[in-house]
């Protein structure tokens, strides 16, 4: 994944910080899974864990992880 993945993670964390400072009660993150690449469930779970580990220290709490066709949506609520 390399540089593109690093940039996307930085953007995700930046968006999470902006939403937290703005006072949003909910933050939604997600990613698409390339079905043609035969991505393993282990790799998908690893990506989910990376996103949760990057967003929760900001002040969000993961409340759900929902697969939808070839994508994953992760919902966070403001922790206070």
PDB file of N, CA and C in Angstrom:
ATOM      1  N   UNK A   1       0.823  -1.191   0.000  1.00  0.00           N
ATOM      2  CA  UNK A   1       0.000   0.000   0.000  1.00  0.00           C
ATOM      3  C   UNK A   1       0.865   1.252   0.000  1.00  0.00           C
ATOM      4  N   UNK A   2       1.872   1.310   0.783  1.00  0.00           N
ATOM      5  CA  UNK A   2       2.870   2.360   0.714  1.00  0.00           C
ATOM      6  C   UNK A   2       2.383   3.766   0.976  1.00  0.00           C
ATOM      7  N   UNK A   3       2.838   4.683   0.130  1.00  0.00           N
ATOM      8  CA  UNK A   3       2.580   6.101   0.342  1.00  0.00           C
ATOM      9  C   UNK A   3       1.104   6.467   0.250  1.00  0.00           C
ATOM     10  N   UNK A   4       0.363   5.834  -0.628  1.00  0.00           N
ATOM     11  CA  UNK A   4      -1.057   6.143  -0.768  1.00  0.00           C
ATOM     12  C   UNK A   4      -1.775   5.804   0.531  1.00  0.00           C
ATOM     13  N   UNK A   5      -1.438   4.661   1.116  1.00  0.00           N
ATOM     14  CA  UNK A   5      -2.063   4.257   2.376  1.00  0.00           C
ATOM     15  C   UNK A   5      -1.707   5.232   3.491  1.00  0.00           C
ATOM     16  N   UNK A   6      -0.472   5.646   3.557  1.00  0.00           N
ATOM     17  CA  UNK A   6      -0.047   6.597   4.587  1.00  0.00           C
ATOM     18  C   UNK A   6      -0.792   7.925   4.439  1.00  0.00           C
ATOM     19  N   UNK A   7      -0.945   8.392   3.206  1.00  0.00           N
ATOM     20  CA  UNK A   7      -1.671   9.642   2.968  1.00  0.00           C
ATOM     21  C   UNK A   7      -3.125   9.507   3.373  1.00  0.00           C
ATOM     22  N   UNK A   8      -3.746   8.383   3.042  1.00  0.00           N
ATOM     23  CA  UNK A   8      -5.153   8.174   3.403  1.00  0.00           C
ATOM     24  C   UNK A   8      -5.332   8.103   4.915  1.00  0.00           C
ATOM     25  N   UNK A   9      -4.394   7.486   5.612  1.00  0.00           N
ATOM     26  CA  UNK A   9      -4.488   7.416   7.071  1.00  0.00           C
ATOM     27  C   UNK A   9      -4.324   8.811   7.675  1.00  0.00           C
ATOM     28  N   UNK A  10      -3.407   9.618   7.142  1.00  0.00           N
ATOM     29  CA  UNK A  10      -3.239  10.987   7.625  1.00  0.00           C
ATOM     30  C   UNK A  10      -4.507  11.798   7.405  1.00  0.00           C
ATOM     31  N   UNK A  11      -5.124  11.633   6.254  1.00  0.00           N
ATOM     32  CA  UNK A  11      -6.373  12.334   5.933  1.00  0.00           C
ATOM     33  C   UNK A  11      -7.484  11.881   6.872  1.00  0.00           C
ATOM     34  N   UNK A  12      -7.569  10.602   7.145  1.00  0.00           N
ATOM     35  CA  UNK A  12      -8.576  10.067   8.047  1.00  0.00           C
ATOM     36  C   UNK A  12      -8.424  10.658   9.446  1.00  0.00           C
ATOM     37  N   UNK A  13      -7.214  10.672   9.964  1.00  0.00           N
ATOM     38  CA  UNK A  13      -6.955  11.215  11.299  1.00  0.00           C
ATOM     39  C   UNK A  13      -7.238  12.713  11.325  1.00  0.00           C
ATOM     40  N   UNK A  14      -6.860  13.421  10.276  1.00  0.00           N
ATOM     41  CA  UNK A  14      -7.138  14.856  10.188  1.00  0.00           C
ATOM     42  C   UNK A  14      -8.645  15.115  10.185  1.00  0.00           C
ATOM     43  N   UNK A  15      -9.387  14.331   9.424  1.00  0.00           N
ATOM     44  CA  UNK A  15     -10.846  14.481   9.381  1.00  0.00           C
ATOM     45  C   UNK A  15     -11.472  14.171  10.735  1.00  0.00           C
ATOM     46  N   UNK A  16     -10.956  13.159  11.425  1.00  0.00           N
ATOM     47  CA  UNK A  16     -11.470  12.796  12.752  1.00  0.00           C
ATOM     48  C   UNK A  16     -11.208  13.917  13.756  1.00  0.00           C
ATOM     49  N   UNK A  17     -10.030  14.519  13.701  1.00  0.00           N
ATOM     50  CA  UNK A  17      -9.712  15.637  14.600  1.00  0.00           C
ATOM     51  C   UNK A  17     -10.606  16.841  14.315  1.00  0.00           C
ATOM     52  N   UNK A  18     -10.802  17.136  13.036  1.00  0.00           N
ATOM     53  CA  UNK A  18     -11.656  18.264  12.652  1.00  0.00           C
ATOM     54  C   UNK A  18     -13.079  18.050  13.141  1.00  0.00           C
ATOM     55  N   UNK A  19     -13.606  16.869  12.955  1.00  0.00           N
ATOM     56  CA  UNK A  19     -14.971  16.560  13.395  1.00  0.00           C
ATOM     57  C   UNK A  19     -15.081  16.640  14.919  1.00  0.00           C
ATOM     58  N   UNK A  20     -14.040  16.202  15.623  1.00  0.00           N
ATOM     59  CA  UNK A  20     -14.063  16.242  17.084  1.00  0.00           C
ATOM     60  C   UNK A  20     -14.046  17.690  17.578  1.00  0.00           C
ATOM     61  N   UNK A  21     -13.169  18.519  16.992  1.00  0.00           N
ATOM     62  CA  UNK A  21     -13.083  19.934  17.379  1.00  0.00           C
ATOM     63  C   UNK A  21     -14.368  20.691  17.051  1.00  0.00           C
ATOM     64  N   UNK A  22     -15.019  20.291  15.963  1.00  0.00           N
ATOM     65  CA  UNK A  22     -16.251  20.925  15.537  1.00  0.00           C
ATOM     66  C   UNK A  22     -17.413  20.572  16.472  1.00  0.00           C
ATOM     67  N   UNK A  23     -17.253  19.509  17.248  1.00  0.00           N
ATOM     68  CA  UNK A  23     -18.286  19.105  18.194  1.00  0.00           C
ATOM     69  C   UNK A  23     -19.237  18.050  17.674  1.00  0.00           C
ATOM     70  N   UNK A  24     -18.881  17.418  16.564  1.00  0.00           N
ATOM     71  CA  UNK A  24     -19.739  16.364  16.014  1.00  0.00           C
ATOM     72  C   UNK A  24     -19.898  15.227  17.019  1.00  0.00           C
ATOM     73  N   UNK A  25     -21.071  14.627  17.045  1.00  0.00           N
ATOM     74  CA  UNK A  25     -21.336  13.504  17.947  1.00  0.00           C
ATOM     75  C   UNK A  25     -20.963  12.174  17.311  1.00  0.00           C
ATOM     76  N   UNK A  26     -20.890  12.129  15.974  1.00  0.00           N
ATOM     77  CA  UNK A  26     -20.637  10.883  15.255  1.00  0.00           C
ATOM     78  C   UNK A  26     -19.591  11.111  14.172  1.00  0.00           C
ATOM     79  N   UNK A  27     -18.718  10.127  14.000  1.00  0.00           N
ATOM     80  CA  UNK A  27     -17.723  10.164  12.927  1.00  0.00           C
ATOM     81  C   UNK A  27     -17.752   8.805  12.246  1.00  0.00           C
ATOM     82  N   UNK A  28     -17.796   8.817  10.933  1.00  0.00           N
ATOM     83  CA  UNK A  28     -17.862   7.580  10.164  1.00  0.00           C
ATOM     84  C   UNK A  28     -16.620   7.462   9.290  1.00  0.00           C
ATOM     85  N   UNK A  29     -15.965   6.327   9.376  1.00  0.00           N
ATOM     86  CA  UNK A  29     -14.807   6.032   8.538  1.00  0.00           C
ATOM     87  C   UNK A  29     -15.111   4.759   7.767  1.00  0.00           C
ATOM     88  N   UNK A  30     -14.403   4.535   6.708  1.00  0.00           N
ATOM     89  CA  UNK A  30     -14.626   3.324   5.948  1.00  0.00           C
ATOM     90  C   UNK A  30     -13.611   3.147   4.853  1.00  0.00           C
ATOM     91  N   UNK A  31     -13.672   1.991   4.235  1.00  0.00           N
ATOM     92  CA  UNK A  31     -12.788   1.707   3.117  1.00  0.00           C
ATOM     93  C   UNK A  31     -13.426   0.662   2.223  1.00  0.00           C
ATOM     94  N   UNK A  32     -12.984   0.650   0.979  1.00  0.00           N
ATOM     95  CA  UNK A  32     -13.474  -0.315   0.003  1.00  0.00           C
ATOM     96  C   UNK A  32     -12.514  -1.489  -0.076  1.00  0.00           C
ATOM     97  N   UNK A  33     -13.073  -2.660  -0.314  1.00  0.00           N
ATOM     98  CA  UNK A  33     -12.281  -3.874  -0.474  1.00  0.00           C
ATOM     99  C   UNK A  33     -12.336  -4.261  -1.944  1.00  0.00           C
ATOM    100  N   UNK A  34     -11.170  -4.400  -2.559  1.00  0.00           N
ATOM    101  CA  UNK A  34     -11.106  -4.776  -3.972  1.00  0.00           C
ATOM    102  C   UNK A  34     -11.405  -6.263  -4.089  1.00  0.00           C
ATOM    103  N   UNK A  35     -12.588  -6.585  -4.565  1.00  0.00           N
ATOM    104  CA  UNK A  35     -13.003  -7.988  -4.647  1.00  0.00           C
ATOM    105  C   UNK A  35     -12.200  -8.764  -5.690  1.00  0.00           C
ATOM    106  N   UNK A  36     -11.630  -8.076  -6.654  1.00  0.00           N
ATOM    107  CA  UNK A  36     -10.822  -8.759  -7.675  1.00  0.00           C
ATOM    108  C   UNK A  36      -9.460  -9.173  -7.143  1.00  0.00           C
ATOM    109  N   UNK A  37      -9.010  -8.532  -6.062  1.00  0.00           N
ATOM    110  CA  UNK A  37      -7.677  -8.814  -5.520  1.00  0.00           C
ATOM    111  C   UNK A  37      -7.673  -9.962  -4.524  1.00  0.00           C
ATOM    112  N   UNK A  38      -8.840 -10.510  -4.232  1.00  0.00           N
ATOM    113  CA  UNK A  38      -8.957 -11.620  -3.279  1.00  0.00           C
ATOM    114  C   UNK A  38      -8.298 -11.289  -1.942  1.00  0.00           C
ATOM    115  N   UNK A  39      -8.731 -10.207  -1.350  1.00  0.00           N
ATOM    116  CA  UNK A  39      -8.202  -9.751  -0.070  1.00  0.00           C
ATOM    117  C   UNK A  39      -8.711 -10.681   1.028  1.00  0.00           C
ATOM    118  N   UNK A  40      -7.812 -11.144   1.876  1.00  0.00           N
ATOM    119  CA  UNK A  40      -8.199 -12.077   2.938  1.00  0.00           C
ATOM    120  C   UNK A  40      -8.913 -11.341   4.073  1.00  0.00           C
ATOM    121  N   UNK A  41      -9.715 -12.076   4.818  1.00  0.00           N
ATOM    122  CA  UNK A  41     -10.400 -11.485   5.970  1.00  0.00           C
ATOM    123  C   UNK A  41      -9.382 -11.023   7.012  1.00  0.00           C
ATOM    124  N   UNK A  42      -8.255 -11.698   7.089  1.00  0.00           N
ATOM    125  CA  UNK A  42      -7.204 -11.293   8.030  1.00  0.00           C
ATOM    126  C   UNK A  42      -6.703  -9.887   7.678  1.00  0.00           C
ATOM    127  N   UNK A  43      -6.522  -9.616   6.401  1.00  0.00           N
ATOM    128  CA  UNK A  43      -6.067  -8.293   5.966  1.00  0.00           C
ATOM    129  C   UNK A  43      -7.139  -7.233   6.225  1.00  0.00           C
ATOM    130  N   UNK A  44      -8.400  -7.590   6.021  1.00  0.00           N
ATOM    131  CA  UNK A  44      -9.497  -6.651   6.272  1.00  0.00           C
ATOM    132  C   UNK A  44      -9.563  -6.322   7.757  1.00  0.00           C
ATOM    133  N   UNK A  45      -9.480  -7.345   8.616  1.00  0.00           N
ATOM    134  CA  UNK A  45      -9.501  -7.108  10.073  1.00  0.00           C
ATOM    135  C   UNK A  45      -8.314  -6.278  10.528  1.00  0.00           C
ATOM    136  N   UNK A  46      -7.157  -6.491   9.904  1.00  0.00           N
ATOM    137  CA  UNK A  46      -5.956  -5.715  10.247  1.00  0.00           C
ATOM    138  C   UNK A  46      -6.164  -4.237   9.908  1.00  0.00           C
ATOM    139  N   UNK A  47      -6.788  -3.972   8.768  1.00  0.00           N
ATOM    140  CA  UNK A  47      -7.062  -2.585   8.365  1.00  0.00           C
ATOM    141  C   UNK A  47      -8.075  -1.938   9.312  1.00  0.00           C
ATOM    142  N   UNK A  48      -9.088  -2.696   9.709  1.00  0.00           N
ATOM    143  CA  UNK A  48     -10.070  -2.193  10.673  1.00  0.00           C
ATOM    144  C   UNK A  48      -9.373  -1.830  11.980  1.00  0.00           C
ATOM    145  N   UNK A  49      -8.506  -2.702  12.464  1.00  0.00           N
ATOM    146  CA  UNK A  49      -7.770  -2.436  13.703  1.00  0.00           C
ATOM    147  C   UNK A  49      -6.890  -1.198  13.590  1.00  0.00           C
ATOM    148  N   UNK A  50      -6.246  -1.001  12.430  1.00  0.00           N
ATOM    149  CA  UNK A  50      -5.404   0.187  12.223  1.00  0.00           C
ATOM    150  C   UNK A  50      -6.231   1.467  12.301  1.00  0.00           C
ATOM    151  N   UNK A  51      -7.394   1.449  11.676  1.00  0.00           N
ATOM    152  CA  UNK A  51      -8.250   2.637  11.683  1.00  0.00           C
ATOM    153  C   UNK A  51      -8.738   2.935  13.092  1.00  0.00           C
ATOM    154  N   UNK A  52      -9.186   1.907  13.800  1.00  0.00           N
ATOM    155  CA  UNK A  52      -9.665   2.104  15.168  1.00  0.00           C
ATOM    156  C   UNK A  52      -8.542   2.627  16.056  1.00  0.00           C
ATOM    157  N   UNK A  53      -7.351   2.052  15.927  1.00  0.00           N
ATOM    158  CA  UNK A  53      -6.205   2.484  16.735  1.00  0.00           C
ATOM    159  C   UNK A  53      -5.797   3.919  16.424  1.00  0.00           C
ATOM    160  N   UNK A  54      -6.027   4.381  15.205  1.00  0.00           N
ATOM    161  CA  UNK A  54      -5.656   5.749  14.828  1.00  0.00           C
ATOM    162  C   UNK A  54      -6.696   6.772  15.267  1.00  0.00           C
ATOM    163  N   UNK A  55      -7.968   6.395  15.319  1.00  0.00           N
ATOM    164  CA  UNK A  55      -9.047   7.350  15.583  1.00  0.00           C
ATOM    165  C   UNK A  55      -9.427   7.424  17.063  1.00  0.00           C
ATOM    166  N   UNK A  56      -9.399   6.313  17.781  1.00  0.00           N
ATOM    167  CA  UNK A  56      -9.843   6.334  19.180  1.00  0.00           C
ATOM    168  C   UNK A  56      -9.039   7.264  20.093  1.00  0.00           C
ATOM    169  N   UNK A  57      -7.721   7.399  19.944  1.00  0.00           N
ATOM    170  CA  UNK A  57      -6.992   8.316  20.836  1.00  0.00           C
ATOM    171  C   UNK A  57      -7.405   9.784  20.716  1.00  0.00           C
ATOM    172  N   UNK A  58      -8.059  10.140  19.636  1.00  0.00           N
ATOM    173  CA  UNK A  58      -8.500  11.525  19.432  1.00  0.00           C
ATOM    174  C   UNK A  58      -9.642  11.867  20.377  1.00  0.00           C
ATOM    175  N   UNK A  59     -10.416  10.866  20.762  1.00  0.00           N
ATOM    176  CA  UNK A  59     -11.567  11.099  21.627  1.00  0.00           C
ATOM    177  C   UNK A  59     -12.826  10.412  21.135  1.00  0.00           C
ATOM    178  N   UNK A  60     -12.676   9.547  20.149  1.00  0.00           N
ATOM    179  CA  UNK A  60     -13.800   8.802  19.598  1.00  0.00           C
ATOM    180  C   UNK A  60     -13.804   7.383  20.154  1.00  0.00           C
ATOM    181  N   UNK A  61     -14.974   6.758  20.169  1.00  0.00           N
ATOM    182  CA  UNK A  61     -15.095   5.362  20.584  1.00  0.00           C
ATOM    183  C   UNK A  61     -15.804   4.596  19.473  1.00  0.00           C
ATOM    184  N   UNK A  62     -15.212   3.483  19.054  1.00  0.00           N
ATOM    185  CA  UNK A  62     -15.804   2.666  18.002  1.00  0.00           C
ATOM    186  C   UNK A  62     -17.070   2.004  18.543  1.00  0.00           C
ATOM    187  N   UNK A  63     -18.176   2.201  17.846  1.00  0.00           N
ATOM    188  CA  UNK A  63     -19.437   1.612  18.290  1.00  0.00           C
ATOM    189  C   UNK A  63     -19.950   0.536  17.340  1.00  0.00           C
ATOM    190  N   UNK A  64     -19.496   0.543  16.087  1.00  0.00           N
ATOM    191  CA  UNK A  64     -19.907  -0.531  15.183  1.00  0.00           C
ATOM    192  C   UNK A  64     -18.983  -0.617  13.975  1.00  0.00           C
ATOM    193  N   UNK A  65     -18.873  -1.836  13.485  1.00  0.00           N
ATOM    194  CA  UNK A  65     -18.146  -2.115  12.250  1.00  0.00           C
ATOM    195  C   UNK A  65     -19.109  -2.916  11.387  1.00  0.00           C
ATOM    196  N   UNK A  66     -19.439  -2.359  10.228  1.00  0.00           N
ATOM    197  CA  UNK A  66     -20.449  -2.990   9.388  1.00  0.00           C
ATOM    198  C   UNK A  66     -19.926  -3.218   7.977  1.00  0.00           C
ATOM    199  N   UNK A  67     -19.902  -4.469   7.551  1.00  0.00           N
ATOM    200  CA  UNK A  67     -19.547  -4.738   6.156  1.00  0.00           C
ATOM    201  C   UNK A  67     -20.753  -4.460   5.263  1.00  0.00           C
ATOM    202  N   UNK A  68     -20.496  -3.963   4.074  1.00  0.00           N
ATOM    203  CA  UNK A  68     -21.561  -3.744   3.105  1.00  0.00           C
ATOM    204  C   UNK A  68     -20.996  -4.019   1.726  1.00  0.00           C
ATOM    205  N   UNK A  69     -21.419  -5.112   1.134  1.00  0.00           N
ATOM    206  CA  UNK A  69     -20.915  -5.567  -0.160  1.00  0.00           C
ATOM    207  C   UNK A  69     -19.384  -5.572  -0.150  1.00  0.00           C
ATOM    208  N   UNK A  70     -18.738  -4.699  -0.906  1.00  0.00           N
ATOM    209  CA  UNK A  70     -17.274  -4.695  -0.971  1.00  0.00           C
ATOM    210  C   UNK A  70     -16.691  -3.506  -0.223  1.00  0.00           C
ATOM    211  N   UNK A  71     -17.320  -3.127   0.890  1.00  0.00           N
ATOM    212  CA  UNK A  71     -16.796  -2.024   1.692  1.00  0.00           C
ATOM    213  C   UNK A  71     -17.047  -2.298   3.168  1.00  0.00           C
ATOM    214  N   UNK A  72     -16.382  -1.525   3.992  1.00  0.00           N
ATOM    215  CA  UNK A  72     -16.527  -1.628   5.440  1.00  0.00           C
ATOM    216  C   UNK A  72     -16.771  -0.222   5.982  1.00  0.00           C
ATOM    217  N   UNK A  73     -17.764  -0.082   6.855  1.00  0.00           N
ATOM    218  CA  UNK A  73     -18.073   1.209   7.477  1.00  0.00           C
ATOM    219  C   UNK A  73     -17.853   1.068   8.983  1.00  0.00           C
ATOM    220  N   UNK A  74     -17.108   2.011   9.553  1.00  0.00           N
ATOM    221  CA  UNK A  74     -16.796   1.994  10.977  1.00  0.00           C
ATOM    222  C   UNK A  74     -17.369   3.264  11.592  1.00  0.00           C
ATOM    223  N   UNK A  75     -18.257   3.092  12.569  1.00  0.00           N
ATOM    224  CA  UNK A  75     -18.908   4.222  13.219  1.00  0.00           C
ATOM    225  C   UNK A  75     -18.261   4.495  14.574  1.00  0.00           C
ATOM    226  N   UNK A  76     -17.997   5.768  14.833  1.00  0.00           N
ATOM    227  CA  UNK A  76     -17.412   6.205  16.080  1.00  0.00           C
ATOM    228  C   UNK A  76     -18.338   7.222  16.730  1.00  0.00           C
ATOM    229  N   UNK A  77     -18.457   7.153  18.053  1.00  0.00           N
ATOM    230  CA  UNK A  77     -19.201   8.163  18.798  1.00  0.00           C
ATOM    231  C   UNK A  77     -18.227   8.920  19.673  1.00  0.00           C
ATOM    232  N   UNK A  78     -18.565  10.152  19.932  1.00  0.00           N
ATOM    233  CA  UNK A  78     -17.741  11.017  20.774  1.00  0.00           C
ATOM    234  C   UNK A  78     -17.687  10.434  22.188  1.00  0.00           C
ATOM    235  N   UNK A  79     -16.496  10.320  22.727  1.00  0.00           N
ATOM    236  CA  UNK A  79     -16.310   9.791  24.077  1.00  0.00           C
ATOM    237  C   UNK A  79     -16.173  10.972  25.034  1.00  0.00           C
ATOM    238  N   UNK A  80     -17.050  11.058  26.040  1.00  0.00           N
ATOM    239  CA  UNK A  80     -16.940  12.140  27.028  1.00  0.00           C
ATOM    240  C   UNK A  80     -17.420  11.704  28.352  1.00  0.00           C
TER     241      UNK A  80
END
